[in-house]
Amino acid sequence: MVSVRWTGAAGLEIAHEGAVYLMDPYVSRPGKAAVFFKRLVSRREAVAGFLKDLPGSLKAVMVGHTHFDHALDVPVIAEMAAARVVGSRSLDVLLEAFGMHGRVTVCRGGERVVLDDQAAVTMLPGRHGRVLLGRIPYPGEIVPPLEPPLKVREYRHGQVFNMLLELGGMRLLHVGSADVDDAVLQGQGSDVLFLCVSGWRFAPDLVPRVLSRVQPKTIVPFHFDDFTTPLAPGAQVPDLPLLHKDLFLKQLACHAPQARVIWPKVNQVMRF
């Protein structure tokens, strides 16, 4: 059995037989004032608590792209834990700016990286979706010199990946932004598809394009929470505006009628 906890934004905590694998871990969740007007700082105490509460030994951290809501906490996690870090050249530059040279297994698209004796991830080339006003936010690569802490605009998305994790006899596909490279996804079947909701209306036919190529057994929509809202015990995290959730769910039902759909809450644990 594989256990997956959605930690907010595109973050997943995946556990199997005492091992834990993180995708796009995002713990600090700076508020709107920090995002728009300040330099972004990872909350070390929150990250340390997050790592302490993991349900096993952390083996790997995988990053689909380097916007702040995907990569802000990765340097601190890499400092605190001896886990493998897999991502793009931009992620490598980011960690180097925080004093961690050579920590990233740098991928350029298509690599299958063996994480340990039970897990491997294939970093499939992807595309970043259009969001606010139909634009791609902060495109391009992260380039030196950098002087941390960084401003939000310095977290360029870099190479974008859809991450396919093989674990426990299952294939879990992480699509962390609402667009894809159709040709790359063709034939990449998955047992569980984690599909970004934010910005999906700006990618023509995103849902049928993905579902026809991946044919998942289970679909988990995610990355629809307001990721500039800090998490508070017992509090509901608001959704991002203009999601058109009902229409999104209708498209899932139309194009994958046999698939199980789980619309999760932040920190919900799912077992597959």
C-alpha atoms as a PDB file:
ATOM      1  CA  MET A   1       0.000   0.000   0.000  1.00  0.00           C
ATOM      2  CA  VAL A   2       1.178   3.510  -0.861  1.00  0.00           C
ATOM      3  CA  SER A   3       0.067   6.370   1.378  1.00  0.00           C
ATOM      4  CA  VAL A   4      -0.108   9.913  -0.026  1.00  0.00           C
ATOM      5  CA  ARG A   5      -0.772  13.116   1.907  1.00  0.00           C
ATOM      6  CA  TRP A   6      -1.564  16.278  -0.019  1.00  0.00           C
ATOM      7  CA  THR A   7       0.323  18.986   1.880  1.00  0.00           C
ATOM      8  CA  GLY A   8      -1.035  21.951  -0.083  1.00  0.00           C
ATOM      9  CA  ALA A   9      -0.208  23.589  -3.430  1.00  0.00           C
ATOM     10  CA  ALA A  10       1.542  20.865  -5.493  1.00  0.00           C
ATOM     11  CA  GLY A  11       3.081  19.208  -2.448  1.00  0.00           C
ATOM     12  CA  LEU A  12       2.822  15.471  -1.903  1.00  0.00           C
ATOM     13  CA  GLU A  13       4.179  13.328   0.933  1.00  0.00           C
ATOM     14  CA  ILE A  14       4.352   9.758  -0.335  1.00  0.00           C
ATOM     15  CA  ALA A  15       5.092   6.885   2.050  1.00  0.00           C
ATOM     16  CA  HIS A  16       5.698   3.178   1.500  1.00  0.00           C
ATOM     17  CA  GLU A  17       7.244   0.566   3.788  1.00  0.00           C
ATOM     18  CA  GLY A  18       8.966   3.038   6.084  1.00  0.00           C
ATOM     19  CA  ALA A  19      10.313   5.287   3.315  1.00  0.00           C
ATOM     20  CA  VAL A  20       9.061   8.774   2.406  1.00  0.00           C
ATOM     21  CA  TYR A  21       9.350  10.668  -0.871  1.00  0.00           C
ATOM     22  CA  LEU A  22       8.414  14.339  -1.240  1.00  0.00           C
ATOM     23  CA  MET A  23       7.225  16.097  -4.372  1.00  0.00           C
ATOM     24  CA  ASP A  24       7.254  19.910  -4.447  1.00  0.00           C
ATOM     25  CA  PRO A  25       7.285  20.234  -0.640  1.00  0.00           C
ATOM     26  CA  TYR A  26       5.943  23.640   0.401  1.00  0.00           C
ATOM     27  CA  VAL A  27       5.619  24.226   4.121  1.00  0.00           C
ATOM     28  CA  SER A  28       6.244  27.903   4.856  1.00  0.00           C
ATOM     29  CA  ARG A  29       3.262  29.344   2.938  1.00  0.00           C
ATOM     30  CA  PRO A  30       4.164  33.053   3.260  1.00  0.00           C
ATOM     31  CA  GLY A  31       1.182  35.381   3.317  1.00  0.00           C
ATOM     32  CA  LYS A  32       0.194  37.769   0.562  1.00  0.00           C
ATOM     33  CA  ALA A  33       2.083  40.717   2.045  1.00  0.00           C
ATOM     34  CA  ALA A  34       5.321  38.727   2.011  1.00  0.00           C
ATOM     35  CA  VAL A  35       4.725  37.400  -1.489  1.00  0.00           C
ATOM     36  CA  PHE A  36       4.008  40.781  -3.024  1.00  0.00           C
ATOM     37  CA  PHE A  37       6.215  43.129  -1.022  1.00  0.00           C
ATOM     38  CA  LYS A  38       9.020  41.262   0.750  1.00  0.00           C
ATOM     39  CA  ARG A  39      11.779  38.742   0.243  1.00  0.00           C
ATOM     40  CA  LEU A  40      10.615  35.194   0.886  1.00  0.00           C
ATOM     41  CA  VAL A  41      12.012  33.345   3.872  1.00  0.00           C
ATOM     42  CA  SER A  42      11.553  29.661   4.623  1.00  0.00           C
ATOM     43  CA  ARG A  43      10.190  29.126   8.139  1.00  0.00           C
ATOM     44  CA  ARG A  44      12.860  26.855   9.566  1.00  0.00           C
ATOM     45  CA  GLU A  45      10.890  25.801  12.640  1.00  0.00           C
ATOM     46  CA  ALA A  46       7.910  24.813  10.509  1.00  0.00           C
ATOM     47  CA  VAL A  47      10.133  22.849   8.128  1.00  0.00           C
ATOM     48  CA  ALA A  48      11.863  21.103  11.023  1.00  0.00           C
ATOM     49  CA  GLY A  49       8.495  20.151  12.504  1.00  0.00           C
ATOM     50  CA  PHE A  50       7.305  18.909   9.139  1.00  0.00           C
ATOM     51  CA  LEU A  51      10.366  16.680   8.741  1.00  0.00           C
ATOM     52  CA  LYS A  52      10.085  15.401  12.295  1.00  0.00           C
ATOM     53  CA  ASP A  53       6.493  14.302  11.677  1.00  0.00           C
ATOM     54  CA  LEU A  54       7.187  12.392   8.464  1.00  0.00           C
ATOM     55  CA  PRO A  55       5.884   8.809   8.664  1.00  0.00           C
ATOM     56  CA  GLY A  56       9.249   7.289   7.824  1.00  0.00           C
ATOM     57  CA  SER A  57      12.767   7.970   6.595  1.00  0.00           C
ATOM     58  CA  LEU A  58      13.012  10.684   3.949  1.00  0.00           C
ATOM     59  CA  LYS A  59      14.662   9.224   0.847  1.00  0.00           C
ATOM     60  CA  ALA A  60      14.140  11.813  -1.892  1.00  0.00           C
ATOM     61  CA  VAL A  61      12.814  15.262  -2.731  1.00  0.00           C
ATOM     62  CA  MET A  62      11.604  15.796  -6.297  1.00  0.00           C
ATOM     63  CA  VAL A  63      10.801  19.235  -7.731  1.00  0.00           C
ATOM     64  CA  GLY A  64       8.679  19.786 -10.833  1.00  0.00           C
ATOM     65  CA  HIS A  65       9.650  23.445 -11.301  1.00  0.00           C
ATOM     66  CA  THR A  66      11.178  26.254  -9.292  1.00  0.00           C
ATOM     67  CA  HIS A  67       8.416  28.779  -8.606  1.00  0.00           C
ATOM     68  CA  PHE A  68       8.371  29.665  -4.912  1.00  0.00           C
ATOM     69  CA  ASP A  69       5.282  27.577  -4.125  1.00  0.00           C
ATOM     70  CA  HIS A  70       7.189  24.513  -5.315  1.00  0.00           C
ATOM     71  CA  ALA A  71      10.791  25.231  -4.282  1.00  0.00           C
ATOM     72  CA  LEU A  72      10.908  27.799  -1.457  1.00  0.00           C
ATOM     73  CA  ASP A  73      11.513  25.237   1.298  1.00  0.00           C
ATOM     74  CA  VAL A  74      13.714  22.831  -0.647  1.00  0.00           C
ATOM     75  CA  PRO A  75      17.052  24.418   0.353  1.00  0.00           C
ATOM     76  CA  VAL A  76      16.181  24.163   4.057  1.00  0.00           C
ATOM     77  CA  ILE A  77      14.911  20.599   3.639  1.00  0.00           C
ATOM     78  CA  ALA A  78      18.122  19.693   1.814  1.00  0.00           C
ATOM     79  CA  GLU A  79      20.151  21.258   4.622  1.00  0.00           C
ATOM     80  CA  MET A  80      18.247  19.408   7.351  1.00  0.00           C
ATOM     81  CA  ALA A  81      17.949  16.013   5.672  1.00  0.00           C
ATOM     82  CA  ALA A  82      20.381  13.838   3.737  1.00  0.00           C
ATOM     83  CA  ALA A  83      17.781  12.947   1.114  1.00  0.00           C
ATOM     84  CA  ARG A  84      18.360  12.774  -2.626  1.00  0.00           C
ATOM     85  CA  VAL A  85      17.238  15.969  -4.427  1.00  0.00           C
ATOM     86  CA  VAL A  86      16.064  15.670  -8.047  1.00  0.00           C
ATOM     87  CA  GLY A  87      15.162  18.569 -10.305  1.00  0.00           C
ATOM     88  CA  SER A  88      16.300  21.067 -12.912  1.00  0.00           C
ATOM     89  CA  ARG A  89      19.391  23.158 -13.476  1.00  0.00           C
ATOM     90  CA  SER A  90      17.463  26.079 -11.966  1.00  0.00           C
ATOM     91  CA  LEU A  91      16.965  24.074  -8.782  1.00  0.00           C
ATOM     92  CA  ASP A  92      20.695  23.371  -8.730  1.00  0.00           C
ATOM     93  CA  VAL A  93      21.437  27.104  -9.032  1.00  0.00           C
ATOM     94  CA  LEU A  94      18.955  27.811  -6.248  1.00  0.00           C
ATOM     95  CA  LEU A  95      20.580  25.350  -3.848  1.00  0.00           C
ATOM     96  CA  GLU A  96      24.052  26.608  -4.749  1.00  0.00           C
ATOM     97  CA  ALA A  97      22.917  30.103  -3.704  1.00  0.00           C
ATOM     98  CA  PHE A  98      22.127  28.631  -0.287  1.00  0.00           C
ATOM     99  CA  GLY A  99      25.573  27.029  -0.030  1.00  0.00           C
ATOM    100  CA  MET A 100      24.722  23.518  -1.225  1.00  0.00           C
ATOM    101  CA  HIS A 101      26.828  22.790  -4.266  1.00  0.00           C
ATOM    102  CA  GLY A 102      26.219  19.508  -6.063  1.00  0.00           C
ATOM    103  CA  ARG A 103      23.172  18.391  -4.045  1.00  0.00           C
ATOM    104  CA  VAL A 104      20.824  18.190  -7.029  1.00  0.00           C
ATOM    105  CA  THR A 105      20.588  15.348  -9.502  1.00  0.00           C
ATOM    106  CA  VAL A 106      20.074  17.649 -12.487  1.00  0.00           C
ATOM    107  CA  CYS A 107      17.627  16.477 -15.133  1.00  0.00           C
ATOM    108  CA  ARG A 108      16.893  17.943 -18.534  1.00  0.00           C
ATOM    109  CA  GLY A 109      13.903  15.800 -19.407  1.00  0.00           C
ATOM    110  CA  GLY A 110      13.262  12.106 -19.843  1.00  0.00           C
ATOM    111  CA  GLU A 111      15.693  10.767 -17.253  1.00  0.00           C
ATOM    112  CA  ARG A 112      14.611   7.848 -15.085  1.00  0.00           C
ATOM    113  CA  VAL A 113      16.319   8.328 -11.719  1.00  0.00           C
ATOM    114  CA  VAL A 114      16.546   5.358  -9.366  1.00  0.00           C
ATOM    115  CA  LEU A 115      15.933   6.728  -5.873  1.00  0.00           C
ATOM    116  CA  ASP A 116      16.510   3.544  -3.849  1.00  0.00           C
ATOM    117  CA  ASP A 117      15.772  -0.166  -4.084  1.00  0.00           C
ATOM    118  CA  GLN A 118      12.013   0.374  -4.225  1.00  0.00           C
ATOM    119  CA  ALA A 119      11.449   3.671  -6.073  1.00  0.00           C
ATOM    120  CA  ALA A 120      12.342   5.449  -9.304  1.00  0.00           C
ATOM    121  CA  VAL A 121      11.153   8.708 -10.838  1.00  0.00           C
ATOM    122  CA  THR A 122      11.017   9.696 -14.498  1.00  0.00           C
ATOM    123  CA  MET A 123      11.258  13.445 -15.071  1.00  0.00           C
ATOM    124  CA  LEU A 124       9.047  13.996 -18.098  1.00  0.00           C
ATOM    125  CA  PRO A 125       9.404  17.336 -19.896  1.00  0.00           C
ATOM    126  CA  GLY A 126       6.319  19.455 -19.311  1.00  0.00           C
ATOM    127  CA  ARG A 127       4.959  22.968 -19.731  1.00  0.00           C
ATOM    128  CA  HIS A 128       3.919  25.591 -17.262  1.00  0.00           C
ATOM    129  CA  GLY A 129       0.272  26.582 -17.459  1.00  0.00           C
ATOM    130  CA  ARG A 130      -1.093  30.068 -17.885  1.00  0.00           C
ATOM    131  CA  VAL A 131      -2.686  31.502 -14.784  1.00  0.00           C
ATOM    132  CA  LEU A 132      -3.361  35.124 -13.841  1.00  0.00           C
ATOM    133  CA  LEU A 133      -4.641  37.055 -16.877  1.00  0.00           C
ATOM    134  CA  GLY A 134      -3.720  34.077 -19.034  1.00  0.00           C
ATOM    135  CA  ARG A 135       0.005  34.564 -18.574  1.00  0.00           C
ATOM    136  CA  ILE A 136       2.820  32.275 -17.485  1.00  0.00           C
ATOM    137  CA  PRO A 137       4.261  33.782 -14.283  1.00  0.00           C
ATOM    138  CA  TYR A 138       7.998  34.336 -14.006  1.00  0.00           C
ATOM    139  CA  PRO A 139       9.168  32.291 -16.997  1.00  0.00           C
ATOM    140  CA  GLY A 140      12.781  31.419 -17.731  1.00  0.00           C
ATOM    141  CA  GLU A 141      15.696  30.064 -15.743  1.00  0.00           C
ATOM    142  CA  ILE A 142      17.034  30.961 -12.316  1.00  0.00           C
ATOM    143  CA  VAL A 143      20.468  32.409 -12.961  1.00  0.00           C
ATOM    144  CA  PRO A 144      23.280  33.588 -10.681  1.00  0.00           C
ATOM    145  CA  PRO A 145      24.228  35.754  -8.959  1.00  0.00           C
ATOM    146  CA  LEU A 146      21.582  35.342  -6.258  1.00  0.00           C
ATOM    147  CA  GLU A 147      21.509  36.903  -2.811  1.00  0.00           C
ATOM    148  CA  PRO A 148      19.073  35.030  -0.545  1.00  0.00           C
ATOM    149  CA  PRO A 149      16.479  35.610   0.674  1.00  0.00           C
ATOM    150  CA  LEU A 150      14.960  36.004  -2.794  1.00  0.00           C
ATOM    151  CA  LYS A 151      12.049  37.976  -4.139  1.00  0.00           C
ATOM    152  CA  VAL A 152       9.158  36.102  -5.704  1.00  0.00           C
ATOM    153  CA  ARG A 153      10.198  37.154  -9.208  1.00  0.00           C
ATOM    154  CA  GLU A 154      13.589  35.517  -8.733  1.00  0.00           C
ATOM    155  CA  TYR A 155      11.915  32.107  -8.432  1.00  0.00           C
ATOM    156  CA  ARG A 156      11.728  31.583 -12.209  1.00  0.00           C
ATOM    157  CA  HIS A 157      10.084  28.317 -13.178  1.00  0.00           C
ATOM    158  CA  GLY A 158      13.086  26.848 -15.024  1.00  0.00           C
ATOM    159  CA  GLN A 159      12.630  23.489 -16.750  1.00  0.00           C
ATOM    160  CA  VAL A 160       9.147  22.156 -16.025  1.00  0.00           C
ATOM    161  CA  PHE A 161       8.659  18.438 -15.350  1.00  0.00           C
ATOM    162  CA  ASN A 162       5.742  16.080 -14.925  1.00  0.00           C
ATOM    163  CA  MET A 163       7.074  13.555 -12.427  1.00  0.00           C
ATOM    164  CA  LEU A 164       6.230   9.860 -12.778  1.00  0.00           C
ATOM    165  CA  LEU A 165       7.016   7.930  -9.604  1.00  0.00           C
ATOM    166  CA  GLU A 166       7.197   4.129  -9.626  1.00  0.00           C
ATOM    167  CA  LEU A 167       6.677   2.836  -6.114  1.00  0.00           C
ATOM    168  CA  GLY A 168       5.125  -0.241  -4.536  1.00  0.00           C
ATOM    169  CA  GLY A 169       4.137  -1.634  -7.911  1.00  0.00           C
ATOM    170  CA  MET A 170       2.256   1.562  -8.741  1.00  0.00           C
ATOM    171  CA  ARG A 171       2.759   4.490 -11.104  1.00  0.00           C
ATOM    172  CA  LEU A 172       1.916   7.907  -9.678  1.00  0.00           C
ATOM    173  CA  LEU A 173       1.976  10.864 -12.082  1.00  0.00           C
ATOM    174  CA  HIS A 174       2.406  14.405 -10.728  1.00  0.00           C
ATOM    175  CA  VAL A 175       1.234  17.149 -13.110  1.00  0.00           C
ATOM    176  CA  GLY A 176       1.980  20.218 -11.030  1.00  0.00           C
ATOM    177  CA  SER A 177       1.013  22.895 -13.548  1.00  0.00           C
ATOM    178  CA  ALA A 178      -1.985  23.087 -15.837  1.00  0.00           C
ATOM    179  CA  ASP A 179      -0.399  22.298 -19.176  1.00  0.00           C
ATOM    180  CA  VAL A 180       1.495  19.356 -20.631  1.00  0.00           C
ATOM    181  CA  ASP A 181       3.509  18.193 -23.608  1.00  0.00           C
ATOM    182  CA  ASP A 182       1.049  15.846 -25.306  1.00  0.00           C
ATOM    183  CA  ALA A 183       3.679  13.825 -27.144  1.00  0.00           C
ATOM    184  CA  VAL A 184       5.684  13.184 -23.983  1.00  0.00           C
ATOM    185  CA  LEU A 185       2.642  11.954 -22.030  1.00  0.00           C
ATOM    186  CA  GLN A 186       1.472   9.633 -24.797  1.00  0.00           C
ATOM    187  CA  GLY A 187       1.473   6.080 -23.453  1.00  0.00           C
ATOM    188  CA  GLN A 188       2.599   7.065 -19.958  1.00  0.00           C
ATOM    189  CA  GLY A 189      -0.097   5.140 -18.133  1.00  0.00           C
ATOM    190  CA  SER A 190      -0.619   5.810 -14.447  1.00  0.00           C
ATOM    191  CA  ASP A 191      -2.493   4.271 -11.564  1.00  0.00           C
ATOM    192  CA  VAL A 192      -2.939   7.633  -9.846  1.00  0.00           C
ATOM    193  CA  LEU A 193      -2.893  11.032 -11.556  1.00  0.00           C
ATOM    194  CA  PHE A 194      -2.394  14.180  -9.484  1.00  0.00           C
ATOM    195  CA  LEU A 195      -3.639  16.962 -11.769  1.00  0.00           C
ATOM    196  CA  CYS A 196      -3.196  20.700 -11.218  1.00  0.00           C
ATOM    197  CA  VAL A 197      -6.462  22.648 -11.253  1.00  0.00           C
ATOM    198  CA  SER A 198      -5.173  26.229 -11.050  1.00  0.00           C
ATOM    199  CA  GLY A 199      -5.254  27.811 -14.505  1.00  0.00           C
ATOM    200  CA  TRP A 200      -6.782  24.801 -16.268  1.00  0.00           C
ATOM    201  CA  ARG A 201      -9.194  26.963 -18.283  1.00  0.00           C
ATOM    202  CA  PHE A 202      -6.285  28.607 -20.095  1.00  0.00           C
ATOM    203  CA  ALA A 203      -4.990  25.286 -21.492  1.00  0.00           C
ATOM    204  CA  PRO A 204      -7.285  24.219 -24.350  1.00  0.00           C
ATOM    205  CA  ASP A 205      -8.720  20.754 -23.771  1.00  0.00           C
ATOM    206  CA  LEU A 206      -6.304  20.070 -20.914  1.00  0.00           C
ATOM    207  CA  VAL A 207      -8.484  17.433 -19.268  1.00  0.00           C
ATOM    208  CA  PRO A 208      -9.189  15.287 -22.343  1.00  0.00           C
ATOM    209  CA  ARG A 209      -5.612  15.710 -23.557  1.00  0.00           C
ATOM    210  CA  VAL A 210      -4.163  14.368 -20.321  1.00  0.00           C
ATOM    211  CA  LEU A 211      -6.734  11.684 -19.607  1.00  0.00           C
ATOM    212  CA  SER A 212      -6.662  10.172 -23.092  1.00  0.00           C
ATOM    213  CA  ARG A 213      -2.896   9.725 -22.886  1.00  0.00           C
ATOM    214  CA  VAL A 214      -2.517   8.698 -19.250  1.00  0.00           C
ATOM    215  CA  GLN A 215      -5.751   6.726 -18.660  1.00  0.00           C
ATOM    216  CA  PRO A 216      -5.494   6.823 -14.856  1.00  0.00           C
ATOM    217  CA  LYS A 217      -7.422   4.570 -12.523  1.00  0.00           C
ATOM    218  CA  THR A 218      -7.658   7.319  -9.893  1.00  0.00           C
ATOM    219  CA  ILE A 219      -7.588  11.102 -10.375  1.00  0.00           C
ATOM    220  CA  VAL A 220      -6.693  13.491  -7.561  1.00  0.00           C
ATOM    221  CA  PRO A 221      -7.129  17.169  -8.475  1.00  0.00           C
ATOM    222  CA  PHE A 222      -4.777  19.388  -6.486  1.00  0.00           C
ATOM    223  CA  HIS A 223      -2.999  22.767  -6.443  1.00  0.00           C
ATOM    224  CA  PHE A 224      -6.317  24.585  -6.090  1.00  0.00           C
ATOM    225  CA  ASP A 225      -5.840  25.973  -2.564  1.00  0.00           C
ATOM    226  CA  ASP A 226      -4.842  29.584  -1.905  1.00  0.00           C
ATOM    227  CA  PHE A 227      -1.174  28.858  -1.270  1.00  0.00           C
ATOM    228  CA  THR A 228      -0.558  32.372   0.103  1.00  0.00           C
ATOM    229  CA  THR A 229      -2.774  31.504   3.085  1.00  0.00           C
ATOM    230  CA  PRO A 230      -0.825  30.033   6.019  1.00  0.00           C
ATOM    231  CA  LEU A 231      -2.152  26.811   7.495  1.00  0.00           C
ATOM    232  CA  ALA A 232      -3.775  27.084  10.907  1.00  0.00           C
ATOM    233  CA  PRO A 233      -4.913  24.151  13.063  1.00  0.00           C
ATOM    234  CA  GLY A 234      -8.561  23.374  12.407  1.00  0.00           C
ATOM    235  CA  ALA A 235      -8.963  26.132   9.807  1.00  0.00           C
ATOM    236  CA  GLN A 236     -10.182  25.604   6.264  1.00  0.00           C
ATOM    237  CA  VAL A 237      -7.835  26.726   3.502  1.00  0.00           C
ATOM    238  CA  PRO A 238      -9.712  28.816   0.932  1.00  0.00           C
ATOM    239  CA  ASP A 239      -9.671  27.818  -2.706  1.00  0.00           C
ATOM    240  CA  LEU A 240      -8.151  29.999  -5.378  1.00  0.00           C
ATOM    241  CA  PRO A 241     -10.716  32.114  -7.228  1.00  0.00           C
ATOM    242  CA  LEU A 242     -12.217  31.260 -10.616  1.00  0.00           C
ATOM    243  CA  LEU A 243     -11.537  27.521 -10.411  1.00  0.00           C
ATOM    244  CA  HIS A 244     -14.809  26.466 -12.080  1.00  0.00           C
ATOM    245  CA  LYS A 245     -14.704  23.333  -9.961  1.00  0.00           C
ATOM    246  CA  ASP A 246     -18.058  21.969 -11.142  1.00  0.00           C
ATOM    247  CA  LEU A 247     -17.044  22.227 -14.783  1.00  0.00           C
ATOM    248  CA  PHE A 248     -13.678  20.625 -14.041  1.00  0.00           C
ATOM    249  CA  LEU A 249     -15.356  17.675 -12.338  1.00  0.00           C
ATOM    250  CA  LYS A 250     -17.828  17.310 -15.213  1.00  0.00           C
ATOM    251  CA  GLN A 251     -14.921  17.074 -17.640  1.00  0.00           C
ATOM    252  CA  LEU A 252     -13.278  14.399 -15.518  1.00  0.00           C
ATOM    253  CA  ALA A 253     -16.520  12.404 -15.449  1.00  0.00           C
ATOM    254  CA  CYS A 254     -16.985  12.817 -19.204  1.00  0.00           C
ATOM    255  CA  HIS A 255     -13.475  11.836 -20.270  1.00  0.00           C
ATOM    256  CA  ALA A 256     -12.653   9.241 -17.593  1.00  0.00           C
ATOM    257  CA  PRO A 257     -16.004   7.819 -16.501  1.00  0.00           C
ATOM    258  CA  GLN A 258     -14.448   4.693 -14.992  1.00  0.00           C
ATOM    259  CA  ALA A 259     -11.850   6.541 -12.923  1.00  0.00           C
ATOM    260  CA  ARG A 260     -12.191   7.158  -9.216  1.00  0.00           C
ATOM    261  CA  VAL A 261     -11.986  10.884  -8.401  1.00  0.00           C
ATOM    262  CA  ILE A 262     -10.800  12.180  -5.014  1.00  0.00           C
ATOM    263  CA  TRP A 263     -11.151  15.923  -4.400  1.00  0.00           C
ATOM    264  CA  PRO A 264      -8.914  16.213  -1.318  1.00  0.00           C
ATOM    265  CA  LYS A 265      -8.597  18.582   1.569  1.00  0.00           C
ATOM    266  CA  VAL A 266      -5.193  19.948   2.533  1.00  0.00           C
ATOM    267  CA  ASN A 267      -3.360  17.366   4.662  1.00  0.00           C
ATOM    268  CA  GLN A 268      -5.777  14.611   3.678  1.00  0.00           C
ATOM    269  CA  VAL A 269      -4.135  11.184   3.578  1.00  0.00           C
ATOM    270  CA  MET A 270      -5.080   8.858   0.712  1.00  0.00           C
ATOM    271  CA  ARG A 271      -4.153   5.205   0.428  1.00  0.00           C
ATOM    272  CA  PHE A 272      -3.749   3.302  -2.816  1.00  0.00           C
END
